[in-house]
Amino acid sequence: AGVAVVLSLGAVITVGAFLPSAALVLALCLLVAGVVSPW
């Protein structure tokens, strides 16, 4: 879980450097897949 959090943040930051709107979509998808769905 710790690894997933670190890599998710890294992925969002990396994508955000190229296209901030895509980073926002990625962050929402990761929240749904990693937090909402398990809950």
PDB file of all heavy atoms in Angstrom:
ATOM      1  N   ALA A   1       0.843  -1.209   0.000  1.00  0.00           N
ATOM      2  CA  ALA A   1       0.000   0.000   0.000  1.00  0.00           C
ATOM      3  C   ALA A   1       0.869   1.246   0.000  1.00  0.00           C
ATOM      4  O   ALA A   1       0.578   2.220  -0.708  1.00  0.00           O
ATOM      5  CB  ALA A   1      -0.938  -0.013   1.204  1.00  0.00           C
ATOM      6  N   GLY A   2       1.943   1.226   0.779  1.00  0.00           N
ATOM      7  CA  GLY A   2       2.869   2.366   0.786  1.00  0.00           C
ATOM      8  C   GLY A   2       3.515   2.570  -0.577  1.00  0.00           C
ATOM      9  O   GLY A   2       3.655   3.704  -1.056  1.00  0.00           O
ATOM     10  N   VAL A   3       3.906   1.474  -1.214  1.00  0.00           N
ATOM     11  CA  VAL A   3       4.496   1.548  -2.560  1.00  0.00           C
ATOM     12  C   VAL A   3       3.488   2.120  -3.549  1.00  0.00           C
ATOM     13  O   VAL A   3       3.821   2.968  -4.384  1.00  0.00           O
ATOM     14  CB  VAL A   3       4.993   0.156  -3.011  1.00  0.00           C
ATOM     15  CG1 VAL A   3       5.385   0.160  -4.482  1.00  0.00           C
ATOM     16  CG2 VAL A   3       6.169  -0.288  -2.152  1.00  0.00           C
ATOM     17  N   ALA A   4       2.238   1.682  -3.444  1.00  0.00           N
ATOM     18  CA  ALA A   4       1.194   2.178  -4.346  1.00  0.00           C
ATOM     19  C   ALA A   4       0.986   3.675  -4.180  1.00  0.00           C
ATOM     20  O   ALA A   4       0.826   4.404  -5.169  1.00  0.00           O
ATOM     21  CB  ALA A   4      -0.118   1.428  -4.097  1.00  0.00           C
ATOM     22  N   VAL A   5       1.009   4.157  -2.943  1.00  0.00           N
ATOM     23  CA  VAL A   5       0.838   5.594  -2.700  1.00  0.00           C
ATOM     24  C   VAL A   5       1.999   6.387  -3.304  1.00  0.00           C
ATOM     25  O   VAL A   5       1.796   7.390  -3.998  1.00  0.00           O
ATOM     26  CB  VAL A   5       0.707   5.877  -1.182  1.00  0.00           C
ATOM     27  CG1 VAL A   5       0.839   7.358  -0.882  1.00  0.00           C
ATOM     28  CG2 VAL A   5      -0.612   5.343  -0.654  1.00  0.00           C
ATOM     29  N   VAL A   6       3.232   5.909  -3.067  1.00  0.00           N
ATOM     30  CA  VAL A   6       4.412   6.616  -3.591  1.00  0.00           C
ATOM     31  C   VAL A   6       4.391   6.657  -5.109  1.00  0.00           C
ATOM     32  O   VAL A   6       4.596   7.721  -5.726  1.00  0.00           O
ATOM     33  CB  VAL A   6       5.714   5.954  -3.078  1.00  0.00           C
ATOM     34  CG1 VAL A   6       6.935   6.498  -3.806  1.00  0.00           C
ATOM     35  CG2 VAL A   6       5.860   6.167  -1.580  1.00  0.00           C
ATOM     36  N   LEU A   7       4.126   5.517  -5.743  1.00  0.00           N
ATOM     37  CA  LEU A   7       4.134   5.492  -7.213  1.00  0.00           C
ATOM     38  C   LEU A   7       2.945   6.240  -7.804  1.00  0.00           C
ATOM     39  O   LEU A   7       3.062   6.828  -8.881  1.00  0.00           O
ATOM     40  CB  LEU A   7       4.169   4.059  -7.718  1.00  0.00           C
ATOM     41  CG  LEU A   7       5.548   3.418  -7.617  1.00  0.00           C
ATOM     42  CD1 LEU A   7       5.514   1.988  -8.107  1.00  0.00           C
ATOM     43  CD2 LEU A   7       6.573   4.193  -8.398  1.00  0.00           C
ATOM     44  N   SER A   8       1.821   6.239  -7.119  1.00  0.00           N
ATOM     45  CA  SER A   8       0.668   7.008  -7.607  1.00  0.00           C
ATOM     46  C   SER A   8       0.991   8.496  -7.606  1.00  0.00           C
ATOM     47  O   SER A   8       0.700   9.205  -8.581  1.00  0.00           O
ATOM     48  CB  SER A   8      -0.561   6.737  -6.741  1.00  0.00           C
ATOM     49  OG  SER A   8      -0.955   5.395  -6.864  1.00  0.00           O
ATOM     50  N   LEU A   9       1.586   8.963  -6.511  1.00  0.00           N
ATOM     51  CA  LEU A   9       1.986  10.375  -6.456  1.00  0.00           C
ATOM     52  C   LEU A   9       3.015  10.691  -7.535  1.00  0.00           C
ATOM     53  O   LEU A   9       2.930  11.721  -8.209  1.00  0.00           O
ATOM     54  CB  LEU A   9       2.550  10.713  -5.071  1.00  0.00           C
ATOM     55  CG  LEU A   9       1.548  10.802  -3.940  1.00  0.00           C
ATOM     56  CD1 LEU A   9       2.266  10.977  -2.600  1.00  0.00           C
ATOM     57  CD2 LEU A   9       0.579  11.950  -4.165  1.00  0.00           C
ATOM     58  N   GLY A  10       3.984   9.781  -7.720  1.00  0.00           N
ATOM     59  CA  GLY A  10       4.987   9.985  -8.762  1.00  0.00           C
ATOM     60  C   GLY A  10       4.379  10.033 -10.147  1.00  0.00           C
ATOM     61  O   GLY A  10       4.760  10.865 -10.977  1.00  0.00           O
ATOM     62  N   ALA A  11       3.415   9.157 -10.400  1.00  0.00           N
ATOM     63  CA  ALA A  11       2.765   9.127 -11.720  1.00  0.00           C
ATOM     64  C   ALA A  11       1.966  10.400 -11.969  1.00  0.00           C
ATOM     65  O   ALA A  11       2.016  10.978 -13.062  1.00  0.00           O
ATOM     66  CB  ALA A  11       1.857   7.901 -11.825  1.00  0.00           C
ATOM     67  N   VAL A  12       1.241  10.838 -10.946  1.00  0.00           N
ATOM     68  CA  VAL A  12       0.442  12.066 -11.108  1.00  0.00           C
ATOM     69  C   VAL A  12       1.347  13.269 -11.344  1.00  0.00           C
ATOM     70  O   VAL A  12       1.075  14.107 -12.217  1.00  0.00           O
ATOM     71  CB  VAL A  12      -0.475  12.276  -9.876  1.00  0.00           C
ATOM     72  CG1 VAL A  12      -1.106  13.655  -9.890  1.00  0.00           C
ATOM     73  CG2 VAL A  12      -1.551  11.200  -9.834  1.00  0.00           C
ATOM     74  N   ILE A  13       2.448  13.358 -10.603  1.00  0.00           N
ATOM     75  CA  ILE A  13       3.381  14.481 -10.781  1.00  0.00           C
ATOM     76  C   ILE A  13       4.036  14.433 -12.159  1.00  0.00           C
ATOM     77  O   ILE A  13       4.152  15.457 -12.845  1.00  0.00           O
ATOM     78  CB  ILE A  13       4.438  14.480  -9.657  1.00  0.00           C
ATOM     79  CG1 ILE A  13       3.781  14.851  -8.333  1.00  0.00           C
ATOM     80  CG2 ILE A  13       5.586  15.429  -9.970  1.00  0.00           C
ATOM     81  CD1 ILE A  13       4.647  14.620  -7.111  1.00  0.00           C
ATOM     82  N   THR A  14       4.429  13.231 -12.594  1.00  0.00           N
ATOM     83  CA  THR A  14       5.075  13.097 -13.912  1.00  0.00           C
ATOM     84  C   THR A  14       4.111  13.463 -15.034  1.00  0.00           C
ATOM     85  O   THR A  14       4.456  14.222 -15.948  1.00  0.00           O
ATOM     86  CB  THR A  14       5.588  11.657 -14.111  1.00  0.00           C
ATOM     87  OG1 THR A  14       6.492  11.340 -13.055  1.00  0.00           O
ATOM     88  CG2 THR A  14       6.292  11.507 -15.442  1.00  0.00           C
ATOM     89  N   VAL A  15       2.898  12.944 -14.970  1.00  0.00           N
ATOM     90  CA  VAL A  15       1.911  13.266 -16.001  1.00  0.00           C
ATOM     91  C   VAL A  15       1.537  14.741 -15.933  1.00  0.00           C
ATOM     92  O   VAL A  15       1.349  15.392 -16.965  1.00  0.00           O
ATOM     93  CB  VAL A  15       0.665  12.351 -15.861  1.00  0.00           C
ATOM     94  CG1 VAL A  15      -0.464  12.808 -16.759  1.00  0.00           C
ATOM     95  CG2 VAL A  15       1.033  10.915 -16.180  1.00  0.00           C
ATOM     96  N   GLY A  16       1.463  15.279 -14.711  1.00  0.00           N
ATOM     97  CA  GLY A  16       1.123  16.692 -14.544  1.00  0.00           C
ATOM     98  C   GLY A  16       2.150  17.628 -15.154  1.00  0.00           C
ATOM     99  O   GLY A  16       1.819  18.744 -15.574  1.00  0.00           O
ATOM    100  N   ALA A  17       3.407  17.184 -15.212  1.00  0.00           N
ATOM    101  CA  ALA A  17       4.446  18.010 -15.835  1.00  0.00           C
ATOM    102  C   ALA A  17       4.202  18.170 -17.334  1.00  0.00           C
ATOM    103  O   ALA A  17       4.590  19.181 -17.926  1.00  0.00           O
ATOM    104  CB  ALA A  17       5.820  17.394 -15.591  1.00  0.00           C
ATOM    105  N   PHE A  18       3.543  17.180 -17.945  1.00  0.00           N
ATOM    106  CA  PHE A  18       3.272  17.244 -19.379  1.00  0.00           C
ATOM    107  C   PHE A  18       1.884  17.792 -19.693  1.00  0.00           C
ATOM    108  O   PHE A  18       1.724  18.586 -20.608  1.00  0.00           O
ATOM    109  CB  PHE A  18       3.432  15.851 -20.014  1.00  0.00           C
ATOM    110  CG  PHE A  18       4.821  15.326 -19.955  1.00  0.00           C
ATOM    111  CD1 PHE A  18       5.164  14.334 -19.048  1.00  0.00           C
ATOM    112  CD2 PHE A  18       5.806  15.828 -20.780  1.00  0.00           C
ATOM    113  CE1 PHE A  18       6.454  13.846 -18.978  1.00  0.00           C
ATOM    114  CE2 PHE A  18       7.101  15.357 -20.726  1.00  0.00           C
ATOM    115  CZ  PHE A  18       7.428  14.360 -19.819  1.00  0.00           C
ATOM    116  N   LEU A  19       0.877  17.333 -18.919  1.00  0.00           N
ATOM    117  CA  LEU A  19      -0.498  17.736 -19.200  1.00  0.00           C
ATOM    118  C   LEU A  19      -1.296  17.723 -17.884  1.00  0.00           C
ATOM    119  O   LEU A  19      -1.730  16.660 -17.426  1.00  0.00           O
ATOM    120  CB  LEU A  19      -1.124  16.768 -20.223  1.00  0.00           C
ATOM    121  CG  LEU A  19      -2.495  17.124 -20.778  1.00  0.00           C
ATOM    122  CD1 LEU A  19      -2.466  18.464 -21.513  1.00  0.00           C
ATOM    123  CD2 LEU A  19      -2.968  16.023 -21.724  1.00  0.00           C
ATOM    124  N   PRO A  20      -1.477  18.896 -17.268  1.00  0.00           N
ATOM    125  CA  PRO A  20      -2.149  18.939 -15.958  1.00  0.00           C
ATOM    126  C   PRO A  20      -3.556  18.356 -15.953  1.00  0.00           C
ATOM    127  O   PRO A  20      -3.959  17.721 -14.972  1.00  0.00           O
ATOM    128  CB  PRO A  20      -2.181  20.440 -15.634  1.00  0.00           C
ATOM    129  CG  PRO A  20      -1.046  21.015 -16.407  1.00  0.00           C
ATOM    130  CD  PRO A  20      -0.958  20.201 -17.656  1.00  0.00           C
ATOM    131  N   SER A  21      -4.310  18.510 -17.020  1.00  0.00           N
ATOM    132  CA  SER A  21      -5.667  17.953 -17.040  1.00  0.00           C
ATOM    133  C   SER A  21      -5.635  16.426 -17.009  1.00  0.00           C
ATOM    134  O   SER A  21      -6.470  15.786 -16.370  1.00  0.00           O
ATOM    135  CB  SER A  21      -6.429  18.451 -18.273  1.00  0.00           C
ATOM    136  OG  SER A  21      -5.762  18.065 -19.454  1.00  0.00           O
ATOM    137  N   ALA A  22      -4.646  15.830 -17.675  1.00  0.00           N
ATOM    138  CA  ALA A  22      -4.509  14.370 -17.646  1.00  0.00           C
ATOM    139  C   ALA A  22      -4.099  13.903 -16.247  1.00  0.00           C
ATOM    140  O   ALA A  22      -4.528  12.839 -15.792  1.00  0.00           O
ATOM    141  CB  ALA A  22      -3.487  13.909 -18.678  1.00  0.00           C
ATOM    142  N   ALA A  23      -3.283  14.710 -15.558  1.00  0.00           N
ATOM    143  CA  ALA A  23      -2.882  14.365 -14.192  1.00  0.00           C
ATOM    144  C   ALA A  23      -4.083  14.367 -13.257  1.00  0.00           C
ATOM    145  O   ALA A  23      -4.193  13.525 -12.363  1.00  0.00           O
ATOM    146  CB  ALA A  23      -1.820  15.340 -13.696  1.00  0.00           C
ATOM    147  N   LEU A  24      -4.998  15.307 -13.465  1.00  0.00           N
ATOM    148  CA  LEU A  24      -6.206  15.363 -12.644  1.00  0.00           C
ATOM    149  C   LEU A  24      -7.076  14.126 -12.874  1.00  0.00           C
ATOM    150  O   LEU A  24      -7.564  13.505 -11.917  1.00  0.00           O
ATOM    151  CB  LEU A  24      -7.001  16.632 -12.963  1.00  0.00           C
ATOM    152  CG  LEU A  24      -8.293  16.825 -12.176  1.00  0.00           C
ATOM    153  CD1 LEU A  24      -7.990  16.965 -10.682  1.00  0.00           C
ATOM    154  CD2 LEU A  24      -9.046  18.043 -12.687  1.00  0.00           C
ATOM    155  N   VAL A  25      -7.232  13.728 -14.130  1.00  0.00           N
ATOM    156  CA  VAL A  25      -8.013  12.531 -14.450  1.00  0.00           C
ATOM    157  C   VAL A  25      -7.343  11.294 -13.854  1.00  0.00           C
ATOM    158  O   VAL A  25      -7.999  10.431 -13.267  1.00  0.00           O
ATOM    159  CB  VAL A  25      -8.182  12.386 -15.980  1.00  0.00           C
ATOM    160  CG1 VAL A  25      -8.792  11.034 -16.333  1.00  0.00           C
ATOM    161  CG2 VAL A  25      -9.033  13.520 -16.525  1.00  0.00           C
ATOM    162  N   LEU A  26      -6.011  11.219 -13.976  1.00  0.00           N
ATOM    163  CA  LEU A  26      -5.270  10.090 -13.417  1.00  0.00           C
ATOM    164  C   LEU A  26      -5.437  10.035 -11.902  1.00  0.00           C
ATOM    165  O   LEU A  26      -5.662   8.959 -11.329  1.00  0.00           O
ATOM    166  CB  LEU A  26      -3.787  10.180 -13.789  1.00  0.00           C
ATOM    167  CG  LEU A  26      -2.882   9.098 -13.206  1.00  0.00           C
ATOM    168  CD1 LEU A  26      -3.302   7.714 -13.683  1.00  0.00           C
ATOM    169  CD2 LEU A  26      -1.428   9.380 -13.561  1.00  0.00           C
ATOM    170  N   ALA A  27      -5.353  11.178 -11.231  1.00  0.00           N
ATOM    171  CA  ALA A  27      -5.511  11.224  -9.771  1.00  0.00           C
ATOM    172  C   ALA A  27      -6.900  10.752  -9.364  1.00  0.00           C
ATOM    173  O   ALA A  27      -7.045   9.976  -8.400  1.00  0.00           O
ATOM    174  CB  ALA A  27      -5.243  12.634  -9.259  1.00  0.00           C
ATOM    175  N   LEU A  28      -7.924  11.187 -10.086  1.00  0.00           N
ATOM    176  CA  LEU A  28      -9.285  10.736  -9.774  1.00  0.00           C
ATOM    177  C   LEU A  28      -9.443   9.231  -9.989  1.00  0.00           C
ATOM    178  O   LEU A  28     -10.048   8.536  -9.166  1.00  0.00           O
ATOM    179  CB  LEU A  28     -10.302  11.504 -10.619  1.00  0.00           C
ATOM    180  CG  LEU A  28     -10.493  12.978 -10.255  1.00  0.00           C
ATOM    181  CD1 LEU A  28     -11.401  13.669 -11.265  1.00  0.00           C
ATOM    182  CD2 LEU A  28     -11.062  13.100  -8.855  1.00  0.00           C
ATOM    183  N   CYS A  29      -8.890   8.729 -11.078  1.00  0.00           N
ATOM    184  CA  CYS A  29      -8.971   7.284 -11.354  1.00  0.00           C
ATOM    185  C   CYS A  29      -8.228   6.481 -10.280  1.00  0.00           C
ATOM    186  O   CYS A  29      -8.710   5.435  -9.837  1.00  0.00           O
ATOM    187  CB  CYS A  29      -8.391   6.974 -12.730  1.00  0.00           C
ATOM    188  SG  CYS A  29      -9.418   7.556 -14.087  1.00  0.00           S
ATOM    189  N   LEU A  30      -7.057   6.970  -9.856  1.00  0.00           N
ATOM    190  CA  LEU A  30      -6.306   6.269  -8.821  1.00  0.00           C
ATOM    191  C   LEU A  30      -7.046   6.301  -7.485  1.00  0.00           C
ATOM    192  O   LEU A  30      -7.026   5.323  -6.736  1.00  0.00           O
ATOM    193  CB  LEU A  30      -4.913   6.891  -8.673  1.00  0.00           C
ATOM    194  CG  LEU A  30      -3.942   6.594  -9.820  1.00  0.00           C
ATOM    195  CD1 LEU A  30      -2.681   7.443  -9.683  1.00  0.00           C
ATOM    196  CD2 LEU A  30      -3.590   5.118  -9.874  1.00  0.00           C
ATOM    197  N   LEU A  31      -7.719   7.418  -7.185  1.00  0.00           N
ATOM    198  CA  LEU A  31      -8.515   7.481  -5.953  1.00  0.00           C
ATOM    199  C   LEU A  31      -9.679   6.499  -5.985  1.00  0.00           C
ATOM    200  O   LEU A  31      -9.964   5.823  -4.996  1.00  0.00           O
ATOM    201  CB  LEU A  31      -9.027   8.897  -5.725  1.00  0.00           C
ATOM    202  CG  LEU A  31      -8.054   9.875  -5.090  1.00  0.00           C
ATOM    203  CD1 LEU A  31      -8.628  11.287  -5.074  1.00  0.00           C
ATOM    204  CD2 LEU A  31      -7.701   9.441  -3.678  1.00  0.00           C
ATOM    205  N   VAL A  32     -10.339   6.423  -7.130  1.00  0.00           N
ATOM    206  CA  VAL A  32     -11.459   5.484  -7.245  1.00  0.00           C
ATOM    207  C   VAL A  32     -10.958   4.047  -7.134  1.00  0.00           C
ATOM    208  O   VAL A  32     -11.520   3.229  -6.397  1.00  0.00           O
ATOM    209  CB  VAL A  32     -12.217   5.698  -8.576  1.00  0.00           C
ATOM    210  CG1 VAL A  32     -13.174   4.563  -8.850  1.00  0.00           C
ATOM    211  CG2 VAL A  32     -12.969   7.023  -8.537  1.00  0.00           C
ATOM    212  N   ALA A  33      -9.863   3.737  -7.851  1.00  0.00           N
ATOM    213  CA  ALA A  33      -9.349   2.368  -7.851  1.00  0.00           C
ATOM    214  C   ALA A  33      -8.682   1.983  -6.533  1.00  0.00           C
ATOM    215  O   ALA A  33      -8.791   0.840  -6.087  1.00  0.00           O
ATOM    216  CB  ALA A  33      -8.352   2.190  -8.993  1.00  0.00           C
ATOM    217  N   GLY A  34      -8.001   2.936  -5.898  1.00  0.00           N
ATOM    218  CA  GLY A  34      -7.216   2.609  -4.709  1.00  0.00           C
ATOM    219  C   GLY A  34      -7.881   2.888  -3.386  1.00  0.00           C
ATOM    220  O   GLY A  34      -7.465   2.345  -2.358  1.00  0.00           O
ATOM    221  N   VAL A  35      -8.920   3.723  -3.360  1.00  0.00           N
ATOM    222  CA  VAL A  35      -9.556   4.083  -2.086  1.00  0.00           C
ATOM    223  C   VAL A  35     -11.044   3.732  -2.096  1.00  0.00           C
ATOM    224  O   VAL A  35     -11.520   2.993  -1.234  1.00  0.00           O
ATOM    225  CB  VAL A  35      -9.360   5.590  -1.780  1.00  0.00           C
ATOM    226  CG1 VAL A  35     -10.071   5.968  -0.510  1.00  0.00           C
ATOM    227  CG2 VAL A  35      -7.879   5.937  -1.680  1.00  0.00           C
ATOM    228  N   VAL A  36     -11.773   4.265  -3.058  1.00  0.00           N
ATOM    229  CA  VAL A  36     -13.228   4.082  -3.076  1.00  0.00           C
ATOM    230  C   VAL A  36     -13.604   2.622  -3.301  1.00  0.00           C
ATOM    231  O   VAL A  36     -14.440   2.063  -2.575  1.00  0.00           O
ATOM    232  CB  VAL A  36     -13.876   4.994  -4.142  1.00  0.00           C
ATOM    233  CG1 VAL A  36     -15.363   4.738  -4.246  1.00  0.00           C
ATOM    234  CG2 VAL A  36     -13.604   6.456  -3.818  1.00  0.00           C
ATOM    235  N   SER A  37     -12.987   1.992  -4.295  1.00  0.00           N
ATOM    236  CA  SER A  37     -13.315   0.596  -4.610  1.00  0.00           C
ATOM    237  C   SER A  37     -13.021  -0.353  -3.449  1.00  0.00           C
ATOM    238  O   SER A  37     -13.883  -1.158  -3.079  1.00  0.00           O
ATOM    239  CB  SER A  37     -12.572   0.167  -5.870  1.00  0.00           C
ATOM    240  OG  SER A  37     -12.823  -1.167  -6.169  1.00  0.00           O
ATOM    241  N   PRO A  38     -11.822  -0.300  -2.815  1.00  0.00           N
ATOM    242  CA  PRO A  38     -11.601  -1.183  -1.658  1.00  0.00           C
ATOM    243  C   PRO A  38     -12.549  -0.895  -0.488  1.00  0.00           C
ATOM    244  O   PRO A  38     -12.981  -1.821   0.201  1.00  0.00           O
ATOM    245  CB  PRO A  38     -10.143  -0.894  -1.261  1.00  0.00           C
ATOM    246  CG  PRO A  38      -9.512  -0.371  -2.481  1.00  0.00           C
ATOM    247  CD  PRO A  38     -10.589   0.374  -3.214  1.00  0.00           C
ATOM    248  N   TRP A  39     -12.885   0.375  -0.286  1.00  0.00           N
ATOM    249  CA  TRP A  39     -13.806   0.724   0.797  1.00  0.00           C
ATOM    250  C   TRP A  39     -15.190   0.118   0.533  1.00  0.00           C
ATOM    251  O   TRP A  39     -15.809  -0.461   1.432  1.00  0.00           O
ATOM    252  CB  TRP A  39     -13.895   2.235   0.951  1.00  0.00           C
ATOM    253  CG  TRP A  39     -14.888   2.666   1.976  1.00  0.00           C
ATOM    254  CD1 TRP A  39     -14.765   2.587   3.336  1.00  0.00           C
ATOM    255  CD2 TRP A  39     -16.170   3.237   1.733  1.00  0.00           C
ATOM    256  NE1 TRP A  39     -15.886   3.072   3.946  1.00  0.00           N
ATOM    257  CE2 TRP A  39     -16.772   3.487   2.982  1.00  0.00           C
ATOM    258  CE3 TRP A  39     -16.866   3.567   0.569  1.00  0.00           C
ATOM    259  CZ2 TRP A  39     -18.040   4.037   3.101  1.00  0.00           C
ATOM    260  CZ3 TRP A  39     -18.128   4.122   0.700  1.00  0.00           C
ATOM    261  CH2 TRP A  39     -18.700   4.346   1.954  1.00  0.00           C
TER     262      TRP A  39
END
